[in-house]
Amino acid sequence: MAGLLPVDEALSRIVGAAVRTDAETVPLSEAGARVLAEDLYAKRQQPPFAASAMDGYAVRAADIANVPVNLKLIGQSAAGHAFQGSLGVGEAVRIFTGAPVPAGADSVVIQENTIAHGSQVEIKETITLGKNIRKAGLDFQEGDLLLKNGRTLDPSALALAAAANYPAVRVYRQPKVAILATGDELVNPGEVFRPDQIIASNTFGLAEIIRQAGGLPIDLGIAEDRLEALSEAVDRAVVAQADILVTLGGASVGDHDLVQPALAAKGMKLDFWKIALRPGKPLMFGRLNDMNILGLPGNPVSSLICGHIFLVPLIRAMLGLEHHPNLRAAVLGRDMDTNDQRQDYVRATLARNADGTLTATPFPLQDSSMLKFLSDAECLIIREPHAPALRAGTMCKVMLLR
């Protein structure tokens, strides 16, 4: 098929058009999975004081060099309730995990090695100096670089930022991705529909792909196959300040495919349409002022697979992140015929064998309208253009979907 753009070239052009979003400050409680837009330096040391690592007794190591020995119990130190005095020769303080070590103490004896007798405690075993004490600043010191610009705030990074005393952080703004379904045949789930209409499903799957990639989906609804309706929908994307407009269907050149003309009338600069891909040949990419335009096929499977291949890398590039699809080697579970000139992404199940290898078995039907097989698929078998026929048992490359 002359004129079809290779998948790798299409992906390169799409990612190359990405412009990183600006930064915004958000509360730490709302920063999960967001991408840091600044380096984070510790605003305090952690722990802020020498703390006990165990329940037991704070002592001076010199006082328990010879055991057993009885020490005078002069008080206790608990988390949030430090002992206010100072420990002297022959004295001990009852202490609990996480509590500040009293002044004068240099070690903590665990309670299993002691016997309390009213105002005294018997120490039965000696310990080394500093035993069971977490030093002040053991985790990090004030001013230490803790998290770098570009780090995704996963659970451990969020906890670290909180421990470093950050109530809010600077993160890159989530790319706004407007989704526009097109076609007179579409209705929303739950709506009354005619016998010649179908339920619009692509929007829901793509919205979740966008969220998982770090974007913010905006549902523009369904536009009728009229230039005026499409033009109004594009205007809504502009008003919403969308960074990306994803159109679903209508991007080809048939009598009812009006997406390209509607966008061209608005001033879209078309980069390409039609790529050497199955499913998803009628894929369009262009730019309207500052907004990237990604026109996906209307068939549900095609649009979702193209979302994984092209939309996710674009969103991540706008967040300053690289995208590395989860590719694995697998044993083919069923014979496959010779491939044509399009790169093929074949829906398949995935099984782990006793020796740790994976077996990918393609579904017998690969029609791009069949959502159930895509829902059941754990991976996509990637076949290069003009790939020869393969027998079951040979190795293949797969992209994991979940």
Protein backbone atom coordinates (compact mmCIF):
# COMPACT_ATOMS: atom_id res chain seq x y z
CA MET A 1 0.00 0.00 0.00
CA ALA A 2 1.86 2.99 -1.30
CA GLY A 3 1.91 6.10 0.83
CA LEU A 4 1.38 4.39 4.20
CA LEU A 5 3.64 5.78 6.91
CA PRO A 6 5.56 3.18 8.96
CA VAL A 7 4.47 2.90 12.58
CA ASP A 8 7.88 3.92 13.98
CA GLU A 9 7.96 7.04 11.80
CA ALA A 10 4.42 7.99 12.80
CA LEU A 11 5.26 7.54 16.48
CA SER A 12 8.44 9.61 16.10
CA ARG A 13 6.51 12.48 14.54
CA ILE A 14 3.80 12.41 17.19
CA VAL A 15 6.21 12.35 20.13
CA GLY A 16 8.43 14.92 18.44
CA ALA A 17 5.53 17.38 18.37
CA ALA A 18 5.04 17.20 22.13
CA VAL A 19 5.62 20.36 24.16
CA ARG A 20 6.07 19.90 27.89
CA THR A 21 3.22 21.33 29.94
CA ASP A 22 3.78 24.17 32.39
CA ALA A 23 4.02 23.68 36.16
CA GLU A 24 1.47 24.17 38.90
CA THR A 25 1.42 23.83 42.68
CA VAL A 26 -0.92 21.23 44.15
CA PRO A 27 -1.49 19.96 47.70
CA LEU A 28 0.56 16.87 48.45
CA SER A 29 -2.70 15.01 49.11
CA GLU A 30 -3.62 15.53 45.44
CA ALA A 31 -0.17 14.90 43.95
CA GLY A 32 -0.31 11.11 43.60
CA ALA A 33 1.01 9.88 40.21
CA ARG A 34 1.88 13.46 39.21
CA VAL A 35 5.34 14.40 37.88
CA LEU A 36 7.59 16.68 39.90
CA ALA A 37 8.50 19.98 38.23
CA GLU A 38 11.28 20.82 40.71
CA ASP A 39 13.95 19.17 42.83
CA LEU A 40 12.85 18.59 46.41
CA TYR A 41 15.35 19.31 49.18
CA ALA A 42 14.69 18.29 52.77
CA LYS A 43 13.32 21.12 54.88
CA ARG A 44 14.26 19.29 58.09
CA GLN A 45 16.27 16.27 59.18
CA GLN A 46 14.67 12.87 59.69
CA PRO A 47 14.44 11.68 62.39
CA PRO A 48 14.51 15.18 63.90
CA PHE A 49 15.89 13.74 67.16
CA ALA A 50 17.65 10.60 68.37
CA ALA A 51 14.82 8.08 68.73
CA SER A 52 14.43 4.68 70.27
CA ALA A 53 14.10 1.80 67.80
CA MET A 54 12.60 -0.52 70.44
CA ASP A 55 10.46 -0.61 73.57
CA GLY A 56 12.73 -0.81 76.60
CA TYR A 57 14.87 1.41 78.82
CA ALA A 58 17.14 4.31 77.98
CA VAL A 59 20.44 3.92 79.87
CA ARG A 60 24.12 4.84 79.88
CA ALA A 61 26.16 1.98 78.43
CA ALA A 62 28.82 2.55 81.11
CA ASP A 63 26.25 1.78 83.83
CA ILE A 64 25.51 -1.70 82.47
CA ALA A 65 29.03 -2.85 81.62
CA ASN A 66 28.62 -5.50 84.32
CA VAL A 67 25.25 -7.24 84.66
CA PRO A 68 22.96 -7.93 86.29
CA VAL A 69 22.62 -4.42 87.66
CA ASN A 70 19.76 -2.40 89.14
CA LEU A 71 19.15 1.17 87.91
CA LYS A 72 16.87 3.82 89.34
CA LEU A 73 13.80 4.42 87.19
CA ILE A 74 13.24 8.20 86.95
CA GLY A 75 10.48 8.54 84.31
CA GLN A 76 9.37 7.60 80.82
CA SER A 77 9.60 8.85 77.24
CA ALA A 78 6.87 8.08 74.72
CA ALA A 79 6.29 9.17 71.11
CA GLY A 80 5.06 12.75 71.27
CA HIS A 81 5.76 12.93 75.01
CA ALA A 82 9.49 13.28 75.60
CA PHE A 83 11.11 12.91 79.03
CA GLN A 84 11.99 16.46 79.99
CA GLY A 85 14.81 15.78 82.44
CA SER A 86 18.34 14.45 82.06
CA LEU A 87 19.52 10.95 82.85
CA GLY A 88 22.41 10.66 85.32
CA VAL A 89 24.72 7.94 86.64
CA GLY A 90 22.84 4.79 87.70
CA GLU A 91 19.53 5.96 86.25
CA ALA A 92 17.17 4.66 83.55
CA VAL A 93 14.11 5.97 81.71
CA ARG A 94 11.28 3.76 80.42
CA ILE A 95 11.13 4.37 76.66
CA PHE A 96 8.91 3.34 73.78
CA THR A 97 9.55 2.89 70.08
CA GLY A 98 9.88 6.22 68.28
CA ALA A 99 10.24 8.23 71.47
CA PRO A 100 13.07 10.79 71.89
CA VAL A 101 16.10 9.45 73.74
CA PRO A 102 16.55 11.49 76.97
CA ALA A 103 19.55 13.73 77.45
CA GLY A 104 22.38 11.78 79.10
CA ALA A 105 21.30 8.37 77.70
CA ASP A 106 23.39 6.73 74.97
CA SER A 107 21.79 3.27 74.55
CA VAL A 108 18.46 1.45 74.82
CA VAL A 109 18.02 -1.97 76.41
CA ILE A 110 15.05 -3.93 75.05
CA GLN A 111 12.42 -4.75 77.65
CA GLU A 112 12.84 -8.52 77.17
CA ASN A 113 16.28 -8.21 78.79
CA THR A 114 14.99 -6.41 81.91
CA ILE A 115 12.88 -6.95 85.02
CA ALA A 116 11.06 -3.97 86.53
CA HIS A 117 10.90 -3.73 90.35
CA GLY A 118 8.77 -0.72 91.26
CA SER A 119 11.10 2.30 91.18
CA GLN A 120 14.00 0.20 89.88
CA VAL A 121 14.74 -1.86 86.80
CA GLU A 122 17.12 -4.81 86.64
CA ILE A 123 19.23 -4.99 83.48
CA LYS A 124 20.14 -8.59 82.70
CA GLU A 125 22.28 -8.20 79.57
CA THR A 126 24.94 -5.71 78.53
CA ILE A 127 24.77 -3.95 75.15
CA THR A 128 27.10 -1.95 72.93
CA LEU A 129 27.16 1.83 73.00
CA GLY A 130 24.37 3.32 70.86
CA LYS A 131 22.40 0.08 70.62
CA ASN A 132 18.73 0.42 69.52
CA ILE A 133 18.97 4.16 68.89
CA ARG A 134 18.16 5.82 65.57
CA LYS A 135 20.46 8.81 65.29
CA ALA A 136 19.06 12.22 64.44
CA GLY A 137 19.24 12.67 60.67
CA LEU A 138 19.75 8.94 60.07
CA ASP A 139 17.31 8.99 57.12
CA PHE A 140 18.23 12.39 55.69
CA GLN A 141 19.70 15.73 56.69
CA GLU A 142 18.17 19.15 56.16
CA GLY A 143 19.11 20.35 52.68
CA ASP A 144 19.61 16.85 51.21
CA LEU A 145 18.33 16.34 47.66
CA LEU A 146 15.54 13.81 48.08
CA LEU A 147 13.52 13.78 44.83
CA LYS A 148 14.57 15.02 41.41
CA ASN A 149 12.64 17.02 38.86
CA GLY A 150 10.77 14.53 36.64
CA ARG A 151 10.13 11.93 39.36
CA THR A 152 6.67 10.44 39.32
CA LEU A 153 5.15 10.74 42.77
CA ASP A 154 4.50 7.12 43.66
CA PRO A 155 3.51 6.10 47.22
CA SER A 156 7.06 6.07 48.61
CA ALA A 157 7.92 9.42 46.99
CA LEU A 158 4.77 11.00 48.45
CA ALA A 159 5.66 9.73 51.91
CA LEU A 160 9.21 11.06 51.54
CA ALA A 161 7.97 14.49 50.46
CA ALA A 162 5.66 14.60 53.47
CA ALA A 163 8.47 13.58 55.85
CA ALA A 164 10.58 16.39 54.38
CA ASN A 165 7.80 18.84 55.37
CA TYR A 166 6.24 19.61 51.97
CA PRO A 167 2.49 20.31 52.28
CA ALA A 168 2.39 21.12 48.54
CA VAL A 169 4.63 20.47 45.54
CA ARG A 170 5.25 21.83 42.06
CA VAL A 171 4.21 19.35 39.39
CA TYR A 172 3.76 19.43 35.63
CA ARG A 173 0.21 20.16 34.63
CA GLN A 174 -1.72 17.15 33.40
CA PRO A 175 -2.23 17.39 29.64
CA LYS A 176 -5.88 18.06 28.88
CA VAL A 177 -7.08 15.53 26.32
CA ALA A 178 -10.44 16.27 24.71
CA ILE A 179 -12.24 13.24 23.26
CA LEU A 180 -14.73 13.75 20.45
CA ALA A 181 -16.76 10.82 19.15
CA THR A 182 -18.29 11.39 15.71
CA GLY A 183 -21.06 9.71 13.78
CA ASP A 184 -24.84 9.77 13.38
CA GLU A 185 -24.89 6.09 14.30
CA LEU A 186 -23.67 6.67 17.88
CA VAL A 187 -25.63 7.03 21.12
CA ASN A 188 -24.47 7.03 24.72
CA PRO A 189 -25.00 4.03 27.01
CA GLY A 190 -28.52 4.06 28.45
CA GLU A 191 -30.00 6.31 25.77
CA VAL A 192 -32.87 5.29 23.52
CA PHE A 193 -31.47 4.12 20.18
CA ARG A 194 -32.78 3.22 16.75
CA PRO A 195 -32.17 -0.22 15.21
CA ASP A 196 -29.47 1.31 12.98
CA GLN A 197 -27.51 2.87 15.86
CA ILE A 198 -24.75 1.53 18.15
CA ILE A 199 -23.48 2.38 21.61
CA ALA A 200 -20.48 4.74 21.73
CA SER A 201 -17.89 2.79 23.72
CA ASN A 202 -14.49 4.12 22.64
CA THR A 203 -14.66 7.25 24.79
CA PHE A 204 -14.78 5.29 28.03
CA GLY A 205 -11.81 3.10 27.24
CA LEU A 206 -9.72 5.98 25.93
CA ALA A 207 -10.54 8.15 28.94
CA GLU A 208 -9.05 5.49 31.23
CA ILE A 209 -5.99 5.11 28.98
CA ILE A 210 -5.53 8.88 29.27
CA ARG A 211 -5.89 8.85 33.06
CA GLN A 212 -3.41 6.00 33.47
CA ALA A 213 -0.92 7.82 31.23
CA GLY A 214 -1.13 10.96 33.41
CA GLY A 215 -3.55 13.01 31.32
CA LEU A 216 -6.87 14.66 32.13
CA PRO A 217 -9.69 13.45 29.84
CA ILE A 218 -12.41 15.84 28.70
CA ASP A 219 -15.48 14.26 27.10
CA LEU A 220 -16.83 16.46 24.30
CA GLY A 221 -19.68 14.06 23.62
CA ILE A 222 -20.85 12.88 20.21
CA ALA A 223 -20.84 15.11 17.13
CA GLU A 224 -23.20 14.46 14.25
CA ASP A 225 -21.83 13.97 10.74
CA ARG A 226 -22.28 17.64 9.87
CA LEU A 227 -19.54 20.22 9.36
CA GLU A 228 -21.35 22.67 11.64
CA ALA A 229 -21.56 20.14 14.50
CA LEU A 230 -17.93 19.16 14.13
CA SER A 231 -16.83 22.79 13.98
CA GLU A 232 -18.74 23.59 17.18
CA ALA A 233 -17.14 20.60 18.93
CA VAL A 234 -13.65 21.74 17.93
CA ASP A 235 -14.47 25.19 19.32
CA ARG A 236 -15.38 23.56 22.64
CA ALA A 237 -11.99 21.85 22.72
CA VAL A 238 -10.29 25.20 22.14
CA VAL A 239 -12.33 26.88 24.88
CA ALA A 240 -11.42 24.04 27.25
CA GLN A 241 -7.74 24.76 26.43
CA ALA A 242 -7.19 21.15 25.43
CA ASP A 243 -3.58 20.19 24.76
CA ILE A 244 -4.69 17.26 22.61
CA LEU A 245 -7.90 16.71 20.67
CA VAL A 246 -8.66 13.06 19.98
CA THR A 247 -11.32 12.46 17.36
CA LEU A 248 -12.96 9.07 16.95
CA GLY A 249 -13.99 8.06 13.45
CA GLY A 250 -14.70 10.18 10.40
CA ALA A 251 -11.05 10.92 9.60
CA SER A 252 -10.94 9.06 6.29
CA VAL A 253 -12.09 10.47 2.94
CA GLY A 254 -15.54 8.93 2.47
CA ASP A 255 -18.67 10.97 1.81
CA HIS A 256 -19.51 10.98 5.51
CA ASP A 257 -15.95 11.44 6.79
CA LEU A 258 -16.00 15.13 7.62
CA VAL A 259 -13.45 15.39 10.44
CA GLN A 260 -10.55 16.37 8.21
CA PRO A 261 -12.51 19.06 6.30
CA ALA A 262 -13.88 20.50 9.56
CA LEU A 263 -10.42 20.72 11.10
CA ALA A 264 -8.86 22.03 7.90
CA ALA A 265 -11.43 24.83 7.86
CA LYS A 266 -10.26 25.77 11.37
CA GLY A 267 -6.64 25.93 10.20
CA MET A 268 -5.28 22.51 11.15
CA LYS A 269 -1.88 21.74 9.69
CA LEU A 270 -2.03 18.07 8.72
CA ASP A 271 1.14 16.07 9.34
CA PHE A 272 -0.03 12.68 8.08
CA TRP A 273 -2.95 10.31 7.80
CA LYS A 274 -2.96 6.60 6.96
CA ILE A 275 -0.22 4.46 8.49
CA ALA A 276 1.03 0.94 7.85
CA LEU A 277 -0.75 -0.50 10.88
CA ARG A 278 -3.35 -3.14 11.59
CA PRO A 279 -5.67 -2.33 13.22
CA GLY A 280 -5.67 1.42 12.76
CA LYS A 281 -4.65 2.37 9.21
CA PRO A 282 -6.83 5.54 9.03
CA LEU A 283 -4.91 7.41 11.74
CA MET A 284 -4.51 11.17 11.40
CA PHE A 285 -2.13 13.57 13.11
CA GLY A 286 -1.88 17.33 12.86
CA ARG A 287 -1.81 20.56 14.82
CA LEU A 288 -4.31 23.35 15.33
CA ASN A 289 -2.46 26.31 16.84
CA ASP A 290 -1.13 24.91 20.16
CA MET A 291 -3.38 21.85 20.15
CA ASN A 292 -2.23 18.46 18.86
CA ILE A 293 -4.84 16.62 16.83
CA LEU A 294 -4.92 12.83 16.87
CA GLY A 295 -7.62 11.31 14.71
CA LEU A 296 -8.24 7.69 15.66
CA PRO A 297 -10.28 5.11 13.77
CA GLY A 298 -13.90 4.65 14.76
CA ASN A 299 -13.70 0.91 15.28
CA PRO A 300 -13.39 0.30 19.05
CA VAL A 301 -10.45 -2.10 18.95
CA SER A 302 -8.54 0.09 16.50
CA SER A 303 -9.03 3.23 18.56
CA LEU A 304 -7.98 1.60 21.85
CA ILE A 305 -4.92 -0.10 20.40
CA CYS A 306 -3.88 3.15 18.69
CA GLY A 307 -4.41 4.86 22.05
CA HIS A 308 -1.89 2.52 23.65
CA ILE A 309 0.61 2.88 20.81
CA PHE A 310 0.41 6.61 20.05
CA LEU A 311 -1.61 8.58 22.60
CA VAL A 312 0.14 7.27 25.70
CA PRO A 313 3.66 8.21 24.45
CA LEU A 314 2.38 11.68 23.45
CA ILE A 315 0.92 12.34 26.91
CA ARG A 316 4.04 11.10 28.66
CA ALA A 317 6.27 13.22 26.41
CA MET A 318 4.23 16.28 27.38
CA LEU A 319 5.00 15.41 31.01
CA GLY A 320 8.70 15.11 30.20
CA LEU A 321 8.65 11.32 30.58
CA GLU A 322 9.93 8.63 28.26
CA HIS A 323 7.60 5.83 27.31
CA HIS A 324 8.78 2.24 27.29
CA PRO A 325 6.03 -0.22 26.34
CA ASN A 326 6.12 -3.46 28.27
CA LEU A 327 7.62 -5.75 25.62
CA ARG A 328 8.39 -9.43 26.25
CA ALA A 329 9.49 -12.50 24.35
CA ALA A 330 6.97 -15.33 24.19
CA VAL A 331 6.41 -18.71 22.60
CA LEU A 332 3.73 -18.68 19.92
CA GLY A 333 0.76 -20.87 20.86
CA ARG A 334 -0.81 -21.13 17.40
CA ASP A 335 0.36 -21.02 13.77
CA MET A 336 0.27 -17.60 12.11
CA ASP A 337 0.12 -16.81 8.41
CA THR A 338 2.47 -14.54 6.47
CA ASN A 339 1.93 -10.85 7.27
CA ASP A 340 1.37 -8.18 4.63
CA GLN A 341 2.94 -4.70 4.44
CA ARG A 342 1.26 -3.40 7.61
CA GLN A 343 2.66 -3.84 11.12
CA ASP A 344 0.17 -6.03 12.91
CA TYR A 345 -0.87 -5.97 16.58
CA VAL A 346 -2.62 -9.28 17.18
CA ARG A 347 -4.80 -9.77 20.26
CA ALA A 348 -3.72 -12.81 22.27
CA THR A 349 -3.94 -14.57 25.60
CA LEU A 350 -0.79 -15.04 27.67
CA ALA A 351 0.10 -18.03 29.84
CA ARG A 352 3.14 -18.53 32.06
CA ASN A 353 4.76 -21.95 31.67
CA ALA A 354 6.37 -24.04 34.40
CA ASP A 355 9.85 -23.01 33.22
CA GLY A 356 8.97 -19.32 33.48
CA THR A 357 8.54 -18.72 29.74
CA LEU A 358 5.40 -17.14 28.31
CA THR A 359 3.08 -18.55 25.66
CA ALA A 360 1.06 -16.10 23.56
CA THR A 361 -1.94 -17.59 21.76
CA PRO A 362 -3.71 -15.34 19.24
CA PHE A 363 -7.49 -15.29 19.10
CA PRO A 364 -8.88 -16.91 15.94
CA LEU A 365 -10.77 -13.75 14.97
CA GLN A 366 -9.07 -10.35 14.84
CA ASP A 367 -11.86 -8.09 13.54
CA SER A 368 -11.33 -4.52 14.73
CA SER A 369 -14.92 -4.21 15.95
CA MET A 370 -14.70 -7.08 18.44
CA LEU A 371 -14.23 -5.63 21.91
CA LYS A 372 -14.66 -8.86 23.86
CA PHE A 373 -11.47 -10.40 22.48
CA LEU A 374 -9.58 -7.18 23.30
CA SER A 375 -10.98 -7.25 26.85
CA ASP A 376 -9.87 -10.88 27.21
CA ALA A 377 -6.43 -10.23 25.70
CA GLU A 378 -3.43 -9.94 28.01
CA CYS A 379 -1.05 -8.94 25.22
CA LEU A 380 -0.62 -7.94 21.60
CA ILE A 381 1.63 -10.02 19.36
CA ILE A 382 3.66 -7.54 17.29
CA ARG A 383 4.35 -8.68 13.74
CA GLU A 384 6.61 -6.64 11.49
CA PRO A 385 5.58 -5.84 7.91
CA HIS A 386 6.09 -8.80 5.54
CA ALA A 387 6.83 -11.14 8.46
CA PRO A 388 6.95 -14.77 7.31
CA ALA A 389 4.52 -17.41 8.47
CA LEU A 390 5.23 -18.73 11.96
CA ARG A 391 4.62 -22.16 13.42
CA ALA A 392 3.41 -22.74 16.96
CA GLY A 393 6.37 -23.08 19.29
CA THR A 394 8.51 -20.37 17.66
CA MET A 395 9.40 -17.16 19.48
CA CYS A 396 7.50 -13.90 19.01
CA LYS A 397 7.44 -10.37 20.49
CA VAL A 398 4.49 -9.25 22.59
CA MET A 399 3.36 -6.03 24.23
CA LEU A 400 1.67 -6.58 27.57
CA LEU A 401 -1.67 -4.85 28.05
CA ARG A 402 -2.04 -5.59 31.76
